[in-house]
C-alpha atoms as a PDB file:
ATOM      1  CA  MET A   1     115.534 110.758  87.959  1.00  0.00           C
ATOM      2  CA  SER A   2     115.238 106.718  87.749  1.00  0.00           C
ATOM      3  CA  ARG A   3     116.696 104.493  90.321  1.00  0.00           C
ATOM      4  CA  LYS A   4     117.384 100.992  90.769  1.00  0.00           C
ATOM      5  CA  ILE A   5     117.053 100.112  94.126  1.00  0.00           C
ATOM      6  CA  ILE A   6     117.086  97.068  95.941  1.00  0.00           C
ATOM      7  CA  HIS A   7     115.698  95.580  99.287  1.00  0.00           C
ATOM      8  CA  ILE A   8     117.073  92.618 100.714  1.00  0.00           C
ATOM      9  CA  ASP A   9     115.182  90.668 103.421  1.00  0.00           C
ATOM     10  CA  MET A  10     116.653  87.855 104.817  1.00  0.00           C
ATOM     11  CA  ASP A  11     114.713  84.677 105.166  1.00  0.00           C
ATOM     12  CA  ALA A  12     113.183  83.333 108.472  1.00  0.00           C
ATOM     13  CA  PHE A  13     116.344  84.993 109.949  1.00  0.00           C
ATOM     14  CA  TYR A  14     115.870  84.840 113.871  1.00  0.00           C
ATOM     15  CA  ALA A  15     114.725  81.650 113.379  1.00  0.00           C
ATOM     16  CA  SER A  16     117.318  80.175 110.095  1.00  0.00           C
ATOM     17  CA  VAL A  17     120.407  81.184 112.352  1.00  0.00           C
ATOM     18  CA  GLU A  18     119.112  78.953 115.383  1.00  0.00           C
ATOM     19  CA  GLN A  19     118.764  76.383 112.657  1.00  0.00           C
ATOM     20  CA  LEU A  20     122.471  77.123 110.928  1.00  0.00           C
ATOM     21  CA  ASP A  21     124.316  76.579 114.500  1.00  0.00           C
ATOM     22  CA  PHE A  22     122.230  73.567 115.604  1.00  0.00           C
ATOM     23  CA  PRO A  23     121.644  71.492 112.943  1.00  0.00           C
ATOM     24  CA  GLU A  24     119.277  68.900 114.833  1.00  0.00           C
ATOM     25  CA  LEU A  25     116.593  71.896 114.311  1.00  0.00           C
ATOM     26  CA  ARG A  26     117.179  71.948 110.832  1.00  0.00           C
ATOM     27  CA  GLY A  27     113.703  70.778 108.926  1.00  0.00           C
ATOM     28  CA  LYS A  28     111.775  71.365 112.054  1.00  0.00           C
ATOM     29  CA  PRO A  29     108.912  74.049 113.379  1.00  0.00           C
ATOM     30  CA  ILE A  30     110.821  76.394 115.875  1.00  0.00           C
ATOM     31  CA  ALA A  31     110.222  79.446 117.096  1.00  0.00           C
ATOM     32  CA  VAL A  32     112.143  82.637 119.207  1.00  0.00           C
ATOM     33  CA  GLY A  33     111.298  83.634 121.780  1.00  0.00           C
ATOM     34  CA  GLY A  34     108.263  83.042 124.454  1.00  0.00           C
ATOM     35  CA  SER A  35     107.339  79.454 125.511  1.00  0.00           C
ATOM     36  CA  GLU A  36     104.697  77.630 126.067  1.00  0.00           C
ATOM     37  CA  LEU A  37     103.530  78.853 129.150  1.00  0.00           C
ATOM     38  CA  ARG A  38     104.189  82.767 128.276  1.00  0.00           C
ATOM     39  CA  GLY A  39     105.674  84.998 126.624  1.00  0.00           C
ATOM     40  CA  VAL A  40     105.313  86.575 122.546  1.00  0.00           C
ATOM     41  CA  VAL A  41     107.330  84.612 119.442  1.00  0.00           C
ATOM     42  CA  ALA A  42     109.485  86.407 117.963  1.00  0.00           C
ATOM     43  CA  ALA A  43     110.683  84.440 114.774  1.00  0.00           C
ATOM     44  CA  ALA A  44     109.493  81.170 113.398  1.00  0.00           C
ATOM     45  CA  SER A  45     110.846  79.172 110.669  1.00  0.00           C
ATOM     46  CA  TYR A  46     108.802  78.278 107.584  1.00  0.00           C
ATOM     47  CA  GLU A  47     108.156  74.714 109.307  1.00  0.00           C
ATOM     48  CA  ALA A  48     106.110  76.401 112.137  1.00  0.00           C
ATOM     49  CA  ARG A  49     104.544  79.516 110.187  1.00  0.00           C
ATOM     50  CA  LYS A  50     102.850  76.401 108.133  1.00  0.00           C
ATOM     51  CA  TYR A  51     101.068  75.569 110.913  1.00  0.00           C
ATOM     52  CA  GLY A  52     100.258  79.196 111.489  1.00  0.00           C
ATOM     53  CA  VAL A  53     102.643  80.067 113.912  1.00  0.00           C
ATOM     54  CA  ARG A  54     103.809  84.095 113.584  1.00  0.00           C
ATOM     55  CA  SER A  55     105.507  86.597 115.174  1.00  0.00           C
ATOM     56  CA  ALA A  56     103.925  88.717 117.729  1.00  0.00           C
ATOM     57  CA  ILE A  57     101.872  86.005 118.670  1.00  0.00           C
ATOM     58  CA  SER A  58     101.830  84.296 121.954  1.00  0.00           C
ATOM     59  CA  GLY A  59     103.640  81.386 123.168  1.00  0.00           C
ATOM     60  CA  VAL A  60     100.511  79.550 124.244  1.00  0.00           C
ATOM     61  CA  LEU A  61      98.531  80.564 121.008  1.00  0.00           C
ATOM     62  CA  ALA A  62     101.900  78.708 119.069  1.00  0.00           C
ATOM     63  CA  LYS A  63     101.981  75.733 121.119  1.00  0.00           C
ATOM     64  CA  LYS A  64      98.249  75.030 120.534  1.00  0.00           C
ATOM     65  CA  ARG A  65      98.509  75.697 116.896  1.00  0.00           C
ATOM     66  CA  CYS A  66     102.110  73.719 116.460  1.00  0.00           C
ATOM     67  CA  PRO A  67     102.306  70.910 118.661  1.00  0.00           C
ATOM     68  CA  GLU A  68     105.781  70.217 117.693  1.00  0.00           C
ATOM     69  CA  LEU A  69     107.175  73.027 118.125  1.00  0.00           C
ATOM     70  CA  ILE A  70     110.810  74.324 119.817  1.00  0.00           C
ATOM     71  CA  PHE A  71     111.269  77.240 121.655  1.00  0.00           C
ATOM     72  CA  MET A  72     114.247  78.989 121.562  1.00  0.00           C
ATOM     73  CA  PRO A  73     115.729  81.900 123.136  1.00  0.00           C
ATOM     74  CA  PRO A  74     116.878  84.863 121.067  1.00  0.00           C
ATOM     75  CA  ARG A  75     120.636  85.027 120.813  1.00  0.00           C
ATOM     76  CA  PHE A  76     121.038  88.777 120.012  1.00  0.00           C
ATOM     77  CA  ALA A  77     124.467  88.975 119.933  1.00  0.00           C
ATOM     78  CA  ARG A  78     124.599  85.853 117.155  1.00  0.00           C
ATOM     79  CA  TYR A  79     122.176  87.329 115.247  1.00  0.00           C
ATOM     80  CA  LYS A  80     124.493  91.077 115.163  1.00  0.00           C
ATOM     81  CA  GLU A  81     127.870  89.132 114.184  1.00  0.00           C
ATOM     82  CA  ILE A  82     125.521  87.942 111.197  1.00  0.00           C
ATOM     83  CA  SER A  83     124.491  91.132 110.352  1.00  0.00           C
ATOM     84  CA  SER A  84     127.788  92.854 110.482  1.00  0.00           C
ATOM     85  CA  GLN A  85     128.938  90.197 107.623  1.00  0.00           C
ATOM     86  CA  ILE A  86     126.069  90.945 105.479  1.00  0.00           C
ATOM     87  CA  ARG A  87     126.267  94.228 105.701  1.00  0.00           C
ATOM     88  CA  SER A  88     129.871  94.166 104.821  1.00  0.00           C
ATOM     89  CA  ILE A  89     129.012  92.599 101.458  1.00  0.00           C
ATOM     90  CA  PHE A  90     126.378  95.084 100.960  1.00  0.00           C
ATOM     91  CA  LEU A  91     129.241  97.624 100.821  1.00  0.00           C
ATOM     92  CA  GLU A  92     131.138  95.870  98.289  1.00  0.00           C
ATOM     93  CA  TYR A  93     128.725  97.355  95.608  1.00  0.00           C
ATOM     94  CA  THR A  94     127.416 100.406  97.308  1.00  0.00           C
ATOM     95  CA  ASP A  95     127.960 102.809  99.818  1.00  0.00           C
ATOM     96  CA  LEU A  96     124.777 104.176  99.567  1.00  0.00           C
ATOM     97  CA  VAL A  97     122.663 101.205 102.041  1.00  0.00           C
ATOM     98  CA  GLU A  98     120.056 101.956 104.315  1.00  0.00           C
ATOM     99  CA  PRO A  99     119.048  99.367 107.363  1.00  0.00           C
ATOM    100  CA  LEU A 100     116.246  98.794 108.262  1.00  0.00           C
ATOM    101  CA  SER A 101     116.561  96.199 110.941  1.00  0.00           C
ATOM    102  CA  LEU A 102     119.640  93.509 111.467  1.00  0.00           C
ATOM    103  CA  ASP A 103     117.941  91.243 109.036  1.00  0.00           C
ATOM    104  CA  GLU A 104     117.062  93.609 105.770  1.00  0.00           C
ATOM    105  CA  ALA A 105     118.236  96.559 104.074  1.00  0.00           C
ATOM    106  CA  PHE A 106     117.461  99.149 101.075  1.00  0.00           C
ATOM    107  CA  LEU A 107     120.371  99.655  98.796  1.00  0.00           C
ATOM    108  CA  ASP A 108     120.510 102.256  95.884  1.00  0.00           C
ATOM    109  CA  VAL A 109     123.182 100.815  92.685  1.00  0.00           C
ATOM    110  CA  THR A 110     121.947 103.210  90.247  1.00  0.00           C
ATOM    111  CA  GLU A 111     125.739 103.702  89.844  1.00  0.00           C
ATOM    112  CA  ASN A 112     127.658 100.990  91.832  1.00  0.00           C
ATOM    113  CA  LYS A 113     131.355 100.003  93.018  1.00  0.00           C
ATOM    114  CA  LYS A 114     131.470  97.028  90.120  1.00  0.00           C
ATOM    115  CA  ASN A 115     129.759  99.473  87.062  1.00  0.00           C
ATOM    116  CA  MET A 116     127.054  96.626  86.830  1.00  0.00           C
ATOM    117  CA  LEU A 117     124.142  97.552  84.855  1.00  0.00           C
ATOM    118  CA  SER A 118     121.955  95.495  85.563  1.00  0.00           C
ATOM    119  CA  ALA A 119     120.043  95.504  89.350  1.00  0.00           C
ATOM    120  CA  THR A 120     118.788  92.129  88.486  1.00  0.00           C
ATOM    121  CA  LEU A 121     121.941  90.717  88.610  1.00  0.00           C
ATOM    122  CA  ILE A 122     123.470  92.634  91.581  1.00  0.00           C
ATOM    123  CA  ALA A 123     120.692  91.205  93.769  1.00  0.00           C
ATOM    124  CA  LYS A 124     121.450  87.624  92.541  1.00  0.00           C
ATOM    125  CA  GLU A 125     125.208  88.185  93.076  1.00  0.00           C
ATOM    126  CA  ILE A 126     124.686  89.422  96.333  1.00  0.00           C
ATOM    127  CA  ARG A 127     122.202  86.518  97.430  1.00  0.00           C
ATOM    128  CA  THR A 128     124.433  84.340  96.422  1.00  0.00           C
ATOM    129  CA  LYS A 129     127.036  86.237  98.846  1.00  0.00           C
ATOM    130  CA  ILE A 130     124.868  86.042 101.578  1.00  0.00           C
ATOM    131  CA  PHE A 131     124.671  82.363 100.967  1.00  0.00           C
ATOM    132  CA  GLU A 132     128.505  81.649 100.535  1.00  0.00           C
ATOM    133  CA  THR A 133     129.504  83.320 103.562  1.00  0.00           C
ATOM    134  CA  THR A 134     126.925  82.820 106.557  1.00  0.00           C
ATOM    135  CA  GLY A 135     125.305  79.820 105.185  1.00  0.00           C
ATOM    136  CA  LEU A 136     121.360  81.628 105.480  1.00  0.00           C
ATOM    137  CA  THR A 137     119.344  82.427 102.448  1.00  0.00           C
ATOM    138  CA  ALA A 138     118.020  85.800 101.239  1.00  0.00           C
ATOM    139  CA  SER A 139     114.953  87.422  99.104  1.00  0.00           C
ATOM    140  CA  ALA A 140     115.285  90.365  97.419  1.00  0.00           C
ATOM    141  CA  GLY A 141     113.102  93.315  95.794  1.00  0.00           C
ATOM    142  CA  ILE A 142     114.191  95.219  92.701  1.00  0.00           C
ATOM    143  CA  SER A 143     112.357  98.286  91.222  1.00  0.00           C
ATOM    144  CA  ILE A 144     112.672 102.009  90.814  1.00  0.00           C
ATOM    145  CA  ASN A 145     111.768 102.755  93.855  1.00  0.00           C
ATOM    146  CA  LYS A 146     112.417 101.810  97.825  1.00  0.00           C
ATOM    147  CA  PHE A 147     108.199 101.271  98.008  1.00  0.00           C
ATOM    148  CA  LEU A 148     108.041  98.729  95.145  1.00  0.00           C
ATOM    149  CA  ALA A 149     111.032  97.203  96.216  1.00  0.00           C
ATOM    150  CA  LYS A 150     109.537  96.227  99.487  1.00  0.00           C
ATOM    151  CA  ILE A 151     106.722  95.043  98.661  1.00  0.00           C
ATOM    152  CA  ALA A 152     108.814  92.408  95.110  1.00  0.00           C
ATOM    153  CA  SER A 153     111.025  91.151  97.769  1.00  0.00           C
ATOM    154  CA  ASP A 154     108.034  89.476  99.578  1.00  0.00           C
ATOM    155  CA  TYR A 155     107.203  87.911  96.322  1.00  0.00           C
ATOM    156  CA  ASN A 156     109.435  85.214  95.922  1.00  0.00           C
ATOM    157  CA  LYS A 157     110.357  84.214  99.335  1.00  0.00           C
ATOM    158  CA  PRO A 158     112.168  82.282 100.539  1.00  0.00           C
ATOM    159  CA  ASN A 159     115.010  82.338  98.376  1.00  0.00           C
ATOM    160  CA  GLY A 160     114.207  83.824  95.683  1.00  0.00           C
ATOM    161  CA  GLN A 161     113.858  87.522  94.169  1.00  0.00           C
ATOM    162  CA  LYS A 162     111.468  89.256  91.975  1.00  0.00           C
ATOM    163  CA  THR A 163     112.006  92.232  89.570  1.00  0.00           C
ATOM    164  CA  ILE A 164     109.218  95.338  88.756  1.00  0.00           C
ATOM    165  CA  ASN A 165     111.050  97.193  85.264  1.00  0.00           C
ATOM    166  CA  PRO A 166     109.752 100.319  84.331  1.00  0.00           C
ATOM    167  CA  GLU A 167     107.858  99.820  82.197  1.00  0.00           C
ATOM    168  CA  GLU A 168     105.567  97.153  84.500  1.00  0.00           C
ATOM    169  CA  VAL A 169     105.145  99.565  87.486  1.00  0.00           C
ATOM    170  CA  ILE A 170     101.651 100.830  86.584  1.00  0.00           C
ATOM    171  CA  PRO A 171     100.260  97.629  85.112  1.00  0.00           C
ATOM    172  CA  PHE A 172     101.487  95.581  88.525  1.00  0.00           C
ATOM    173  CA  LEU A 173     100.123  98.533  91.344  1.00  0.00           C
ATOM    174  CA  GLU A 174      96.599  98.455  89.686  1.00  0.00           C
ATOM    175  CA  ASN A 175      96.295  94.774  89.628  1.00  0.00           C
ATOM    176  CA  LEU A 176      97.501  94.712  93.394  1.00  0.00           C
ATOM    177  CA  GLU A 177      95.393  93.622  95.705  1.00  0.00           C
ATOM    178  CA  VAL A 178      95.802  97.075  98.459  1.00  0.00           C
ATOM    179  CA  LYS A 179      96.439  94.614 101.675  1.00  0.00           C
ATOM    180  CA  ARG A 180      99.343  94.210  99.961  1.00  0.00           C
ATOM    181  CA  PHE A 181     100.677  97.869  99.620  1.00  0.00           C
ATOM    182  CA  PHE A 182     103.511  97.972 102.126  1.00  0.00           C
ATOM    183  CA  GLY A 183     102.283 100.515 104.979  1.00  0.00           C
ATOM    184  CA  VAL A 184      98.824  99.701 104.290  1.00  0.00           C
ATOM    185  CA  GLY A 185      97.696  97.181 107.336  1.00  0.00           C
ATOM    186  CA  LYS A 186      94.932  95.718 108.604  1.00  0.00           C
ATOM    187  CA  VAL A 187      92.972  98.524 109.310  1.00  0.00           C
ATOM    188  CA  THR A 188      93.314 100.802 106.811  1.00  0.00           C
ATOM    189  CA  ALA A 189      92.864  97.837 104.353  1.00  0.00           C
ATOM    190  CA  ASP A 190      89.516  97.209 106.060  1.00  0.00           C
ATOM    191  CA  LYS A 191      88.860 100.801 105.925  1.00  0.00           C
ATOM    192  CA  MET A 192      89.781 100.853 101.712  1.00  0.00           C
ATOM    193  CA  TYR A 193      86.833  97.930 101.502  1.00  0.00           C
ATOM    194  CA  LYS A 194      84.391  99.482 102.851  1.00  0.00           C
ATOM    195  CA  LEU A 195      84.704 102.198 100.376  1.00  0.00           C
ATOM    196  CA  GLY A 196      85.206 100.022  97.983  1.00  0.00           C
ATOM    197  CA  ILE A 197      88.903 100.229  97.402  1.00  0.00           C
ATOM    198  CA  PHE A 198      90.349  96.325  96.783  1.00  0.00           C
ATOM    199  CA  THR A 199      93.194  96.782  94.097  1.00  0.00           C
ATOM    200  CA  GLY A 200      95.339  99.481  92.873  1.00  0.00           C
ATOM    201  CA  GLY A 201      92.933 100.206  90.172  1.00  0.00           C
ATOM    202  CA  ASP A 202      90.435 101.135  92.526  1.00  0.00           C
ATOM    203  CA  LEU A 203      92.612 103.188  94.394  1.00  0.00           C
ATOM    204  CA  LYS A 204      93.656 105.127  91.590  1.00  0.00           C
ATOM    205  CA  GLY A 205      90.216 105.775  90.610  1.00  0.00           C
ATOM    206  CA  LYS A 206      90.131 108.527  93.700  1.00  0.00           C
ATOM    207  CA  THR A 207      90.910 111.808  93.753  1.00  0.00           C
ATOM    208  CA  GLU A 208      93.503 113.078  95.861  1.00  0.00           C
ATOM    209  CA  GLU A 209      91.190 114.986  97.885  1.00  0.00           C
ATOM    210  CA  PHE A 210      88.942 111.741  98.372  1.00  0.00           C
ATOM    211  CA  LEU A 211      91.834 110.120  99.694  1.00  0.00           C
ATOM    212  CA  GLU A 212      92.362 113.122 102.185  1.00  0.00           C
ATOM    213  CA  ALA A 213      89.182 113.565 103.061  1.00  0.00           C
ATOM    214  CA  HIS A 214      89.307 109.577 104.353  1.00  0.00           C
ATOM    215  CA  PHE A 215      92.913 108.996 105.090  1.00  0.00           C
ATOM    216  CA  GLY A 216      94.213 112.493 106.585  1.00  0.00           C
ATOM    217  CA  LYS A 217      97.425 113.313 105.463  1.00  0.00           C
ATOM    218  CA  SER A 218      98.019 109.603 104.277  1.00  0.00           C
ATOM    219  CA  GLY A 219      95.505 110.309 101.680  1.00  0.00           C
ATOM    220  CA  LYS A 220      98.258 112.351  99.465  1.00  0.00           C
ATOM    221  CA  HIS A 221     100.852 109.194 100.047  1.00  0.00           C
ATOM    222  CA  TYR A 222      98.264 106.769  98.513  1.00  0.00           C
ATOM    223  CA  TYR A 223      97.514 108.811  95.730  1.00  0.00           C
ATOM    224  CA  GLN A 224     101.043 108.998  94.612  1.00  0.00           C
ATOM    225  CA  ILE A 225     102.282 105.443  95.255  1.00  0.00           C
ATOM    226  CA  VAL A 226      99.520 104.467  93.213  1.00  0.00           C
ATOM    227  CA  ARG A 227     100.966 106.367  90.374  1.00  0.00           C
ATOM    228  CA  GLY A 228     104.454 104.720  90.812  1.00  0.00           C
ATOM    229  CA  ILE A 229     105.746 108.012  93.042  1.00  0.00           C
ATOM    230  CA  HIS A 230     108.165 107.340  95.567  1.00  0.00           C
ATOM    231  CA  LEU A 231     110.736 109.618  96.355  1.00  0.00           C
ATOM    232  CA  SER A 232     112.483 108.669  99.451  1.00  0.00           C
ATOM    233  CA  ALA A 233     115.895 108.082  98.776  1.00  0.00           C
ATOM    234  CA  VAL A 234     118.343 105.815 100.195  1.00  0.00           C
ATOM    235  CA  ARG A 235     119.895 107.145 102.741  1.00  0.00           C
ATOM    236  CA  PRO A 236     122.746 105.150 104.491  1.00  0.00           C
ATOM    237  CA  ASP A 237     122.860 108.207 107.763  1.00  0.00           C
ATOM    238  CA  ARG A 238     119.201 108.287 108.911  1.00  0.00           C
ATOM    239  CA  LYS A 239     118.471 108.240 112.299  1.00  0.00           C
ATOM    240  CA  ILE A 240     115.909 106.353 113.824  1.00  0.00           C
ATOM    241  CA  LYS A 241     114.188 109.205 116.253  1.00  0.00           C
ATOM    242  CA  SER A 242     111.760 106.766 118.112  1.00  0.00           C
ATOM    243  CA  ILE A 243     110.228 103.344 117.766  1.00  0.00           C
ATOM    244  CA  SER A 244     106.458 103.259 118.345  1.00  0.00           C
ATOM    245  CA  THR A 245     103.697 100.463 118.527  1.00  0.00           C
ATOM    246  CA  GLU A 246     100.242 100.691 118.758  1.00  0.00           C
ATOM    247  CA  ARG A 247      96.829  98.821 118.747  1.00  0.00           C
ATOM    248  CA  THR A 248      93.317 100.177 117.364  1.00  0.00           C
ATOM    249  CA  PHE A 249      90.583  98.096 119.096  1.00  0.00           C
ATOM    250  CA  GLU A 250      87.687  96.881 117.822  1.00  0.00           C
ATOM    251  CA  GLU A 251      85.807  98.298 120.108  1.00  0.00           C
ATOM    252  CA  ASN A 252      86.464 101.312 122.131  1.00  0.00           C
ATOM    253  CA  LEU A 253      87.466 100.449 125.804  1.00  0.00           C
ATOM    254  CA  SER A 254      86.605 103.226 128.453  1.00  0.00           C
ATOM    255  CA  SER A 255      88.214 101.218 131.807  1.00  0.00           C
ATOM    256  CA  GLU A 256      91.945 101.377 132.444  1.00  0.00           C
ATOM    257  CA  ILE A 257      91.906  97.739 133.434  1.00  0.00           C
ATOM    258  CA  PHE A 258      91.015  96.491 130.050  1.00  0.00           C
ATOM    259  CA  ILE A 259      93.899  99.069 128.265  1.00  0.00           C
ATOM    260  CA  ILE A 260      96.652  97.470 130.606  1.00  0.00           C
ATOM    261  CA  ASP A 261      95.111  93.936 129.440  1.00  0.00           C
ATOM    262  CA  ARG A 262      96.378  95.236 125.408  1.00  0.00           C
ATOM    263  CA  LEU A 263      99.269  97.706 126.750  1.00  0.00           C
ATOM    264  CA  GLU A 264     101.238  93.399 127.511  1.00  0.00           C
ATOM    265  CA  SER A 265     101.014  93.136 124.604  1.00  0.00           C
ATOM    266  CA  ILE A 266     101.964  96.594 123.028  1.00  0.00           C
ATOM    267  CA  THR A 267     105.094  97.050 124.952  1.00  0.00           C
ATOM    268  CA  GLY A 268     105.969  93.086 124.363  1.00  0.00           C
ATOM    269  CA  ASP A 269     105.806  94.333 120.169  1.00  0.00           C
ATOM    270  CA  LEU A 270     107.700  97.246 121.362  1.00  0.00           C
ATOM    271  CA  GLU A 271     110.242  95.466 123.221  1.00  0.00           C
ATOM    272  CA  ARG A 272     110.705  92.927 120.280  1.00  0.00           C
ATOM    273  CA  ARG A 273     111.142  96.036 117.414  1.00  0.00           C
ATOM    274  CA  LEU A 274     113.681  97.537 119.668  1.00  0.00           C
ATOM    275  CA  GLN A 275     115.995  94.169 120.362  1.00  0.00           C
ATOM    276  CA  LYS A 276     115.753  93.710 116.915  1.00  0.00           C
ATOM    277  CA  GLN A 277     117.670  97.524 115.824  1.00  0.00           C
ATOM    278  CA  ASP A 278     119.851  97.200 118.967  1.00  0.00           C
ATOM    279  CA  LEU A 279     118.285 100.539 120.280  1.00  0.00           C
ATOM    280  CA  SER A 280     117.150 101.497 123.709  1.00  0.00           C
ATOM    281  CA  GLY A 281     115.908 104.855 124.544  1.00  0.00           C
ATOM    282  CA  LYS A 282     115.177 107.236 127.813  1.00  0.00           C
ATOM    283  CA  THR A 283     111.972 108.862 126.662  1.00  0.00           C
ATOM    284  CA  ILE A 284     108.692 106.625 126.782  1.00  0.00           C
ATOM    285  CA  THR A 285     105.397 108.092 125.396  1.00  0.00           C
ATOM    286  CA  LEU A 286     102.164 106.805 125.914  1.00  0.00           C
ATOM    287  CA  LYS A 287      99.374 108.092 122.934  1.00  0.00           C
ATOM    288  CA  ILE A 288      95.808 108.000 123.439  1.00  0.00           C
ATOM    289  CA  LYS A 289      92.987 108.316 120.933  1.00  0.00           C
ATOM    290  CA  TYR A 290      89.761 108.372 122.070  1.00  0.00           C
ATOM    291  CA  SER A 291      86.539 107.996 120.036  1.00  0.00           C
ATOM    292  CA  ASP A 292      85.727 111.018 118.853  1.00  0.00           C
ATOM    293  CA  PHE A 293      89.117 111.163 117.599  1.00  0.00           C
ATOM    294  CA  SER A 294      91.349 113.806 119.825  1.00  0.00           C
ATOM    295  CA  GLN A 295      94.205 112.926 120.915  1.00  0.00           C
ATOM    296  CA  GLN A 296      96.524 112.840 124.187  1.00  0.00           C
ATOM    297  CA  THR A 297      99.793 112.010 125.312  1.00  0.00           C
ATOM    298  CA  ARG A 298     101.727 111.502 127.894  1.00  0.00           C
ATOM    299  CA  SER A 299     105.986 111.450 128.439  1.00  0.00           C
ATOM    300  CA  VAL A 300     107.965 110.233 130.931  1.00  0.00           C
ATOM    301  CA  THR A 301     112.157 110.535 130.431  1.00  0.00           C
ATOM    302  CA  LEU A 302     114.004 108.455 132.534  1.00  0.00           C
ATOM    303  CA  PRO A 303     117.626 108.876 134.232  1.00  0.00           C
ATOM    304  CA  TYR A 304     118.762 105.901 131.871  1.00  0.00           C
ATOM    305  CA  PHE A 305     118.572 103.928 128.523  1.00  0.00           C
ATOM    306  CA  VAL A 306     115.434 101.111 128.759  1.00  0.00           C
ATOM    307  CA  SER A 307     114.651  98.480 125.932  1.00  0.00           C
ATOM    308  CA  HIS A 308     112.768  95.839 128.133  1.00  0.00           C
ATOM    309  CA  LYS A 309     109.073  94.969 128.176  1.00  0.00           C
ATOM    310  CA  SER A 310     108.593  94.713 132.148  1.00  0.00           C
ATOM    311  CA  ILE A 311     110.327  98.308 132.805  1.00  0.00           C
ATOM    312  CA  LEU A 312     108.368  99.927 129.502  1.00  0.00           C
ATOM    313  CA  LEU A 313     104.821  98.564 130.818  1.00  0.00           C
ATOM    314  CA  GLU A 314     105.977  99.611 134.521  1.00  0.00           C
ATOM    315  CA  ASN A 315     106.149 103.162 132.917  1.00  0.00           C
ATOM    316  CA  THR A 316     103.450 102.999 130.396  1.00  0.00           C
ATOM    317  CA  LYS A 317     101.193 101.885 133.471  1.00  0.00           C
ATOM    318  CA  ALA A 318     102.070 105.242 135.217  1.00  0.00           C
ATOM    319  CA  LEU A 319     101.614 107.151 132.389  1.00  0.00           C
ATOM    320  CA  LEU A 320      97.970 105.691 132.239  1.00  0.00           C
ATOM    321  CA  PHE A 321      97.063 106.733 135.382  1.00  0.00           C
ATOM    322  CA  GLN A 322      98.508 109.679 135.720  1.00  0.00           C
ATOM    323  CA  GLU A 323      95.073 111.472 135.401  1.00  0.00           C
ATOM    324  CA  ARG A 324      91.611 110.086 134.377  1.00  0.00           C
ATOM    325  CA  LEU A 325      90.199 109.204 130.393  1.00  0.00           C
ATOM    326  CA  LYS A 326      88.046 111.640 129.150  1.00  0.00           C
ATOM    327  CA  ASP A 327      86.358 109.657 127.291  1.00  0.00           C
ATOM    328  CA  SER A 328      86.195 105.819 125.726  1.00  0.00           C
ATOM    329  CA  VAL A 329      89.410 104.816 123.626  1.00  0.00           C
ATOM    330  CA  ARG A 330      89.985 103.646 120.380  1.00  0.00           C
ATOM    331  CA  LEU A 331      93.513 103.853 119.826  1.00  0.00           C
ATOM    332  CA  ILE A 332      96.944 103.172 122.499  1.00  0.00           C
ATOM    333  CA  GLY A 333     100.398 103.477 121.209  1.00  0.00           C
ATOM    334  CA  VAL A 334     104.013 103.000 122.857  1.00  0.00           C
ATOM    335  CA  SER A 335     106.816 104.813 121.708  1.00  0.00           C
ATOM    336  CA  VAL A 336     110.510 105.172 123.122  1.00  0.00           C
ATOM    337  CA  SER A 337     112.450 108.035 121.876  1.00  0.00           C
ATOM    338  CA  ASN A 338     115.837 109.517 122.988  1.00  0.00           C
ATOM    339  CA  LEU A 339     117.819 106.660 121.873  1.00  0.00           C
ATOM    340  CA  ASN A 340     121.291 105.524 121.991  1.00  0.00           C
ATOM    341  CA  ASP A 341     122.110 106.117 118.263  1.00  0.00           C
ATOM    342  CA  LYS A 342     125.835 105.876 118.616  1.00  0.00           C
ATOM    343  CA  GLU A 343     128.245 103.459 116.532  1.00  0.00           C
ATOM    344  CA  HIS A 344     125.846 100.868 115.471  1.00  0.00           C
ATOM    345  CA  LYS A 345     123.056 102.210 116.602  1.00  0.00           C
ATOM    346  CA  LYS A 346     122.288 103.980 113.398  1.00  0.00           C
ATOM    347  CA  VAL A 347     119.910 103.040 111.022  1.00  0.00           C
ATOM    348  CA  VAL A 348     122.404 103.244 109.582  1.00  0.00           C
ATOM    349  CA  GLY A 349     104.674 109.359  86.957  1.00  0.00           C
ATOM    350  CA  VAL A 350     106.411 108.141  83.385  1.00  0.00           C
ATOM    351  CA  GLN A 351     109.856 106.263  84.292  1.00  0.00           C
ATOM    352  CA  LEU A 352     112.883 106.271  81.731  1.00  0.00           C
ATOM    353  CA  ARG A 353     113.496 102.786  80.465  1.00  0.00           C
ATOM    354  CA  PHE A 354     116.856 101.442  81.712  1.00  0.00           C
ATOM    355  CA  ASP A 355     118.563  98.296  82.181  1.00  0.00           C
ATOM    356  CA  PHE A 356     117.275  95.956  84.880  1.00  0.00           C
END
C-alpha cells in the first residue's frame, strides 16, 4: 500500500535554540559543546558551518577554522522542552509519530486527523506552526517511505521542504549520488566507487547476488532501496535497544595505545548520541573487528546508568585490556544497551499514484 511519509528535521536545532534565547548570538558563528582548548562540537550554527565547523570535530579544529567562533555549553533541559512542544504539533495531525531524536521525527499521514489529502500541505502547515510556536525553523521531506523522506528533508535546508512524488521516485534515485543515500557512509561509498558504483543508476545495474557478495546482508537492502522499496513502518512505540558508534580505520592498528587515542573520539560521539536522545544505559560493549574480518565483542554491565564520556572511556579501556589483541584491528565500535527507556525515554517497484 502506498503511504505518505513526512520527515521533519529541525534546522541546526541546538545552535538555533541558543540564538533564539540569546539574541546577541543571532547571525554569529556559534558551536554548542566543546571549547577552543578541548572537547568536541555537538552542533554548529549555519554561520559556523560556512567555515567548515561541523558536529563531531574537535573544539580546537573548529576554532582554527573559524577564529570568531563562540562556544556555548549545551542545555539539554531546554532542548527537551522545545522538542516536547514540537512533538505536540505532530500529534495534532497523526498518532503515527516516530521520533529519531529531539530534533527529528517521521510522521505517517496517509490517514490523518485533519483529513487532508496532501502530505506536502501538511508538512508546510506543520513547519509554519513550529515557527509560530517556538520561533525556530524546520525542514521537511515528503515521499512514499521513510528512506526517501529522510533524503528529501536534506535537500532544501534550511527552512525548506522537498516532495518526491510516486512517479518521480525511480528517476530521482537513478540520478542520486550514492553518497547521498541515507545509511551509506564514507567507507561504504568509497567501496562502491571502487566497484564503479557512483549513482543510483549504477547501483540499480548490479544484481542482488553481486551486492550481497560485496556488502553482505546490506546488499539486499541496497538492491531494494534503489528500486524505491523500503517497507519499514512508522512505529511510535519502537524502543531503542542500544546506541552505538564505530570507526573503520584507514590503516589497521596493532597497538592498544593507538586504539585508545581513537576511543577518545568514539566515546565522545557516543556520549552526544545518548544525550541527544535523553538515554543512558548499564551495559557497555566493545566491538573489535580484525584485519581478517573476524569479530570479537567484550561487555560489562554496571550497577548504574551511564552516558558520560569519562565513564564510557574508562570502562571501554578496561574491556580493551581484558585480553591481548589477536591481530591488527580495522574497526572499533562501542555501544550502550540495557537502556533506561521508561516514559519519555522511548523512541517514542510500481507505486499507485495519489495526491501529494
